[in-house]
Protein backbone atom coordinates (compact mmCIF):
# COMPACT_ATOMS: atom_id res chain seq x y z
CA MET A 1 69.15 218.94 240.51
CA SER A 2 65.75 219.07 239.35
CA ASP A 3 62.46 221.57 239.86
CA SER A 4 60.83 219.27 242.86
CA ASP A 5 64.18 218.81 244.07
CA LYS A 6 64.55 222.38 244.72
CA GLU A 7 60.75 222.83 245.66
CA SER A 8 60.94 219.85 248.81
CA LYS A 9 64.11 221.98 250.31
CA PRO A 10 63.32 223.53 253.66
CA ALA A 11 62.90 227.86 253.37
CA ASN A 12 65.98 228.11 254.78
CA TYR A 13 68.16 225.89 253.02
CA PRO A 14 71.35 227.20 251.91
CA ALA A 15 71.98 228.53 248.61
CA ASP A 16 72.87 225.42 245.95
CA TYR A 17 76.41 224.44 245.96
CA GLN A 18 78.03 222.50 242.86
CA PRO A 19 81.36 220.80 243.61
CA ALA A 20 83.49 221.16 240.87
CA ARG A 21 85.33 218.60 238.99
CA VAL A 22 88.45 218.32 240.87
CA TRP A 23 88.66 219.73 244.12
CA THR A 24 91.40 222.13 244.62
CA TRP A 25 92.64 223.78 247.77
CA GLU A 26 92.66 227.57 246.93
CA GLU A 27 92.43 229.42 250.82
CA PRO A 28 91.38 228.37 254.12
CA SER A 29 87.93 227.44 255.02
CA GLY A 30 87.90 229.27 258.28
CA GLY A 31 87.44 228.26 261.99
CA THR A 32 88.95 227.54 264.90
CA TRP A 33 91.56 225.13 263.60
CA ALA A 34 91.74 226.49 259.80
CA SER A 35 95.45 227.61 260.36
CA ILE A 36 96.86 223.87 260.64
CA ASN A 37 94.31 222.11 258.58
CA LYS A 38 96.01 221.37 255.06
CA PRO A 39 95.16 218.88 252.28
CA VAL A 40 98.69 217.73 252.68
CA SER A 41 100.92 215.47 254.67
CA GLY A 42 104.79 215.41 255.95
CA ALA A 43 107.03 217.87 258.04
CA THR A 44 106.81 221.83 257.43
CA HIS A 45 109.84 222.79 260.18
CA GLU A 46 112.70 220.96 261.77
CA LYS A 47 112.09 220.41 264.61
CA GLU A 48 113.51 217.50 267.05
CA LEU A 49 111.22 215.87 269.94
CA PRO A 50 113.25 216.09 273.48
CA VAL A 51 113.73 213.28 275.24
CA GLY A 52 113.71 212.47 278.83
CA LYS A 53 114.59 210.24 281.38
CA HIS A 54 112.10 206.97 281.01
CA PRO A 55 111.70 205.02 279.13
CA LEU A 56 107.92 205.72 277.85
CA GLN A 57 107.85 209.53 276.10
CA LEU A 58 104.89 210.91 275.19
CA TYR A 59 104.50 213.78 273.34
CA SER A 60 100.74 215.10 273.03
CA LEU A 61 98.09 217.45 274.54
CA ALA A 62 95.38 216.92 276.78
CA THR A 63 92.40 216.58 274.37
CA PRO A 64 90.20 213.51 274.75
CA ASN A 65 92.66 211.29 272.69
CA GLY A 66 95.63 212.53 275.01
CA VAL A 67 93.90 212.01 278.08
CA LYS A 68 93.49 208.15 276.89
CA VAL A 69 97.24 207.42 277.18
CA THR A 70 97.81 209.62 279.89
CA VAL A 71 95.40 207.89 282.23
CA MET A 72 96.24 204.84 280.81
CA LEU A 73 99.79 205.46 282.08
CA GLU A 74 98.81 206.68 285.31
CA GLU A 75 96.41 203.58 286.54
CA LEU A 76 99.49 200.98 285.54
CA LEU A 77 101.58 203.13 287.85
CA ALA A 78 98.85 203.17 290.67
CA LEU A 79 98.95 199.64 290.16
CA GLY A 80 103.05 199.11 290.74
CA HIS A 81 104.26 198.83 287.06
CA THR A 82 107.58 200.98 287.54
CA GLY A 83 107.94 200.83 283.76
CA ALA A 84 105.25 202.99 283.11
CA GLU A 85 107.34 205.67 284.40
CA TYR A 86 106.54 208.26 281.90
CA ASP A 87 107.48 211.98 280.17
CA ALA A 88 105.09 213.92 278.89
CA TYR A 89 105.99 216.52 276.72
CA LEU A 90 103.47 219.43 275.31
CA ILE A 91 102.44 219.54 271.94
CA LYS A 92 100.59 222.56 271.14
CA ILE A 93 98.85 221.62 268.29
CA GLY A 94 97.32 224.86 267.64
CA GLU A 95 100.95 226.50 266.69
CA GLY A 96 101.93 223.29 264.63
CA ASP A 97 104.28 221.24 266.67
CA GLN A 98 102.63 218.20 265.48
CA PHE A 99 104.60 219.37 262.30
CA GLY A 100 107.86 219.44 263.65
CA SER A 101 110.02 216.85 261.69
CA GLY A 102 110.85 214.99 264.79
CA PHE A 103 106.91 214.79 266.00
CA VAL A 104 106.66 213.18 261.70
CA GLU A 105 108.86 210.56 262.64
CA VAL A 106 106.84 209.11 265.68
CA ASN A 107 103.79 209.71 263.92
CA PRO A 108 103.80 210.77 259.91
CA ASN A 109 99.78 211.44 260.34
CA SER A 110 100.61 214.39 262.26
CA LYS A 111 97.92 214.14 264.90
CA ILE A 112 98.81 213.44 268.97
CA PRO A 113 99.00 211.64 271.04
CA ALA A 114 102.10 209.64 269.77
CA LEU A 115 104.58 207.59 271.88
CA MET A 116 108.15 206.75 271.79
CA ASP A 117 108.89 203.50 274.03
CA HIS A 118 112.90 203.27 274.59
CA SER A 119 112.95 200.10 277.17
CA GLY A 120 113.94 197.40 274.02
CA THR A 121 117.45 197.01 272.43
CA GLU A 122 114.98 199.32 269.57
CA PRO A 123 112.60 201.65 269.93
CA VAL A 124 109.75 201.57 269.26
CA ARG A 125 107.05 203.89 267.97
CA VAL A 126 103.00 203.90 268.86
CA PHE A 127 100.37 206.20 267.37
CA GLU A 128 96.71 206.10 267.06
CA SER A 129 95.64 206.26 270.91
CA ALA A 130 93.77 203.19 270.53
CA SER A 131 97.18 201.36 269.21
CA ILE A 132 98.95 203.22 271.98
CA LEU A 133 96.26 201.70 274.57
CA LEU A 134 96.85 197.97 273.50
CA TYR A 135 100.09 198.12 273.22
CA LEU A 136 100.92 198.92 276.88
CA ALA A 137 98.39 196.56 277.96
CA GLU A 138 99.43 193.78 276.49
CA LYS A 139 103.06 195.09 277.70
CA PHE A 140 102.33 195.10 280.89
CA GLY A 141 99.12 192.81 280.86
CA GLU A 142 96.58 194.81 282.57
CA PHE A 143 93.40 196.26 281.69
CA ILE A 144 92.47 194.19 278.76
CA PRO A 145 90.81 190.22 279.72
CA ASN A 146 92.70 187.01 279.18
CA GLU A 147 89.93 185.01 277.97
CA SER A 148 88.64 185.26 274.63
CA VAL A 149 85.39 185.81 274.76
CA ALA A 150 85.87 188.68 277.05
CA ARG A 151 88.89 190.06 275.53
CA THR A 152 86.79 190.27 272.09
CA GLN A 153 83.99 192.38 273.53
CA CYS A 154 86.71 195.15 274.87
CA MET A 155 88.01 195.07 271.38
CA ASN A 156 84.59 195.55 269.80
CA TRP A 157 83.85 198.87 272.55
CA LEU A 158 87.48 200.06 271.74
CA PHE A 159 87.48 200.00 267.82
CA TRP A 160 83.19 201.59 268.42
CA GLN A 161 84.90 204.58 270.12
CA MET A 162 87.74 204.72 267.38
CA GLY A 163 84.81 204.74 264.73
CA SER A 164 82.29 206.59 266.68
CA ALA A 165 83.91 209.60 267.96
CA PRO A 166 84.86 211.25 264.36
CA TYR A 167 81.26 211.83 264.27
CA LEU A 168 81.25 213.54 267.63
CA GLY A 169 84.81 215.77 267.14
CA GLY A 170 84.71 215.58 263.50
CA GLY A 171 81.47 215.95 262.98
CA PHE A 172 79.22 217.62 265.58
CA GLY A 173 81.71 219.84 267.61
CA HIS A 174 83.33 221.12 264.41
CA PHE A 175 80.11 222.50 263.23
CA TYR A 176 78.20 222.86 266.70
CA ALA A 177 81.40 224.56 267.78
CA TYR A 178 84.16 225.71 265.34
CA ALA A 179 83.20 226.31 262.27
CA PRO A 180 83.38 229.96 261.28
CA PHE A 181 79.10 229.44 260.93
CA LYS A 182 76.33 227.41 261.67
CA ILE A 183 74.89 225.10 259.17
CA GLU A 184 71.53 223.99 260.67
CA TYR A 185 72.14 220.42 258.40
CA CYS A 186 74.93 219.66 259.75
CA ILE A 187 74.65 220.27 263.35
CA ASP A 188 71.57 218.52 262.68
CA ARG A 189 72.56 215.44 260.69
CA PHE A 190 75.59 214.71 263.63
CA THR A 191 73.59 215.83 266.56
CA MET A 192 71.02 212.87 265.75
CA GLU A 193 74.03 210.67 265.31
CA VAL A 194 75.62 211.54 268.53
CA LYS A 195 72.64 211.25 270.36
CA ARG A 196 72.14 207.56 269.17
CA GLN A 197 75.57 206.92 270.14
CA LEU A 198 74.52 207.84 273.50
CA ASP A 199 71.67 205.71 273.43
CA VAL A 200 73.70 202.85 272.40
CA LEU A 201 75.63 203.35 275.22
CA ASP A 202 73.08 204.41 277.82
CA LYS A 203 71.78 200.39 276.98
CA HIS A 204 74.72 198.60 276.91
CA LEU A 205 75.56 200.17 280.24
CA GLU A 206 71.97 199.66 281.89
CA ARG A 207 73.52 195.92 282.16
CA ASN A 208 76.67 196.63 282.57
CA THR A 209 78.90 197.84 285.29
CA TYR A 210 81.68 198.59 282.76
CA MET A 211 82.33 198.63 278.69
CA ALA A 212 83.26 195.05 279.03
CA GLY A 213 80.99 193.79 281.72
CA ASP A 214 82.56 193.68 285.37
CA MET A 215 86.10 194.38 284.33
CA TYR A 216 87.52 198.17 284.05
CA THR A 217 89.51 198.10 280.33
CA ILE A 218 91.21 200.19 277.97
CA ALA A 219 87.66 199.90 276.65
CA ASP A 220 86.43 202.41 279.04
CA ILE A 221 90.03 204.66 279.41
CA ALA A 222 89.74 205.33 275.58
CA ILE A 223 85.71 205.76 275.72
CA TRP A 224 85.30 208.09 278.99
CA PRO A 225 87.35 210.89 277.52
CA TRP A 226 85.10 211.90 274.89
CA TYR A 227 81.72 210.41 276.50
CA GLY A 228 82.33 210.49 280.24
CA ASN A 229 83.12 214.22 279.49
CA LEU A 230 80.30 215.11 277.47
CA MET A 231 78.37 213.88 280.12
CA PHE A 232 80.45 216.84 282.40
CA ASN A 233 79.71 219.56 279.69
CA ASN A 234 83.36 219.19 279.31
CA LEU A 235 83.17 219.24 275.47
CA TYR A 236 81.70 221.69 272.90
CA ASP A 237 79.61 223.07 276.03
CA ALA A 238 76.83 221.25 274.62
CA SER A 239 75.42 218.91 277.59
CA GLU A 240 71.98 220.73 277.36
CA PHE A 241 71.95 220.93 274.01
CA LEU A 242 72.12 216.95 273.74
CA ASP A 243 70.39 216.65 277.08
CA THR A 244 72.99 214.59 278.23
CA ALA A 245 71.39 214.69 281.71
CA SER A 246 68.81 211.82 280.52
CA TYR A 247 71.76 209.34 279.79
CA LYS A 248 71.11 208.02 283.42
CA HIS A 249 73.31 205.16 283.11
CA VAL A 250 76.27 206.92 280.87
CA ASN A 251 76.14 209.39 283.34
CA ARG A 252 76.57 206.66 287.00
CA TRP A 253 79.58 205.17 284.46
CA ALA A 254 81.34 208.36 283.94
CA GLU A 255 81.15 209.61 287.66
CA ALA A 256 82.02 206.39 289.00
CA ILE A 257 85.49 206.62 286.58
CA ALA A 258 85.35 210.63 287.30
CA GLU A 259 86.26 209.47 290.92
CA ARG A 260 89.29 207.23 289.73
CA PRO A 261 92.85 208.81 291.56
CA ALA A 262 94.90 207.48 288.52
CA VAL A 263 92.01 209.40 286.29
CA LYS A 264 92.14 212.45 288.69
CA ARG A 265 95.87 212.66 287.32
CA GLY A 266 96.09 211.56 284.19
CA ARG A 267 93.55 214.56 282.61
CA ARG A 268 96.14 216.69 283.99
CA VAL A 269 98.79 216.00 281.98
CA ASN A 270 99.32 218.01 279.16
CA LYS A 271 96.47 220.56 279.78
CA THR A 272 96.80 224.12 279.62
CA TRP A 273 93.63 225.55 280.37
CA GLY A 274 90.66 225.31 282.46
CA GLU A 275 91.53 225.97 286.32
CA GLU A 276 94.90 226.46 287.54
CA ASN A 277 95.20 223.66 290.14
CA GLU A 278 94.04 221.13 286.89
CA GLN A 279 97.04 221.96 284.68
CA LEU A 280 99.83 220.16 284.25
CA ALA A 281 101.74 221.20 280.82
CA GLU A 282 104.39 218.99 281.41
CA ARG A 283 105.17 215.75 283.34
CA HIS A 284 108.38 214.22 284.03
CA ASP A 285 107.76 212.86 287.94
CA ALA A 286 105.21 211.78 289.99
CA SER A 287 105.75 214.36 292.69
CA ASP A 288 104.93 216.66 289.64
CA LEU A 289 100.96 215.64 290.04
CA ASP A 290 101.53 216.53 293.82
């Protein structure tokens, strides 16, 4: 680093750090998830997954990515698709359940949610939340447009969410809420990006009822658990910091989706925190949500 570079740094900039030629993992980095973060994949212990009575078996937690799938399943059931009945088993990611051998067999990436479909002659494993939403939409013929242009718009926004949310969760959320200490540069960098994303959504929703136009689709189901919950201060306790109230079109959209009965049910499944009447660790029958 040149002397001019050093002189241009703000006074509160952290001390210089020079990466090694080859990175080595020496110790946990600290922070909320330090105990489960590691640079290798695969199972750490033997543990079979339970299997319930329904063809669809979900292994998850009510994080935004998990809520996508439980909302989708509850929406399908609300339309009368009895084949969408499911068992939802709790995966406690803070305790490393996702590294059990049974879970790794379903999702080698050890991330929730993971789904097994036993309805056919051969079980189908489905992982990555967007893949699960698309799989279920095509299986039941719901929440995805049939017409090519509209379908493409739905896919655009579905994959926008998959590409954008890591900046919100792994970027902003990590450094704002979970890191062992605050780093101004990191928080500023990811705050700027999250607010840019909110501006993208706000401008789009000023002209559209839902993400793909007038039709509620898997794009909305994917985006709402992240950005809708951000509007309600349910992520990172950051609504005031991000001034989410100023994004009035995102708020209108978020509030409309939050009022859907299936969304109210789906957001409770595999939830073990918050108000007691909002929690349902596992779901095996529709009556569990009564």
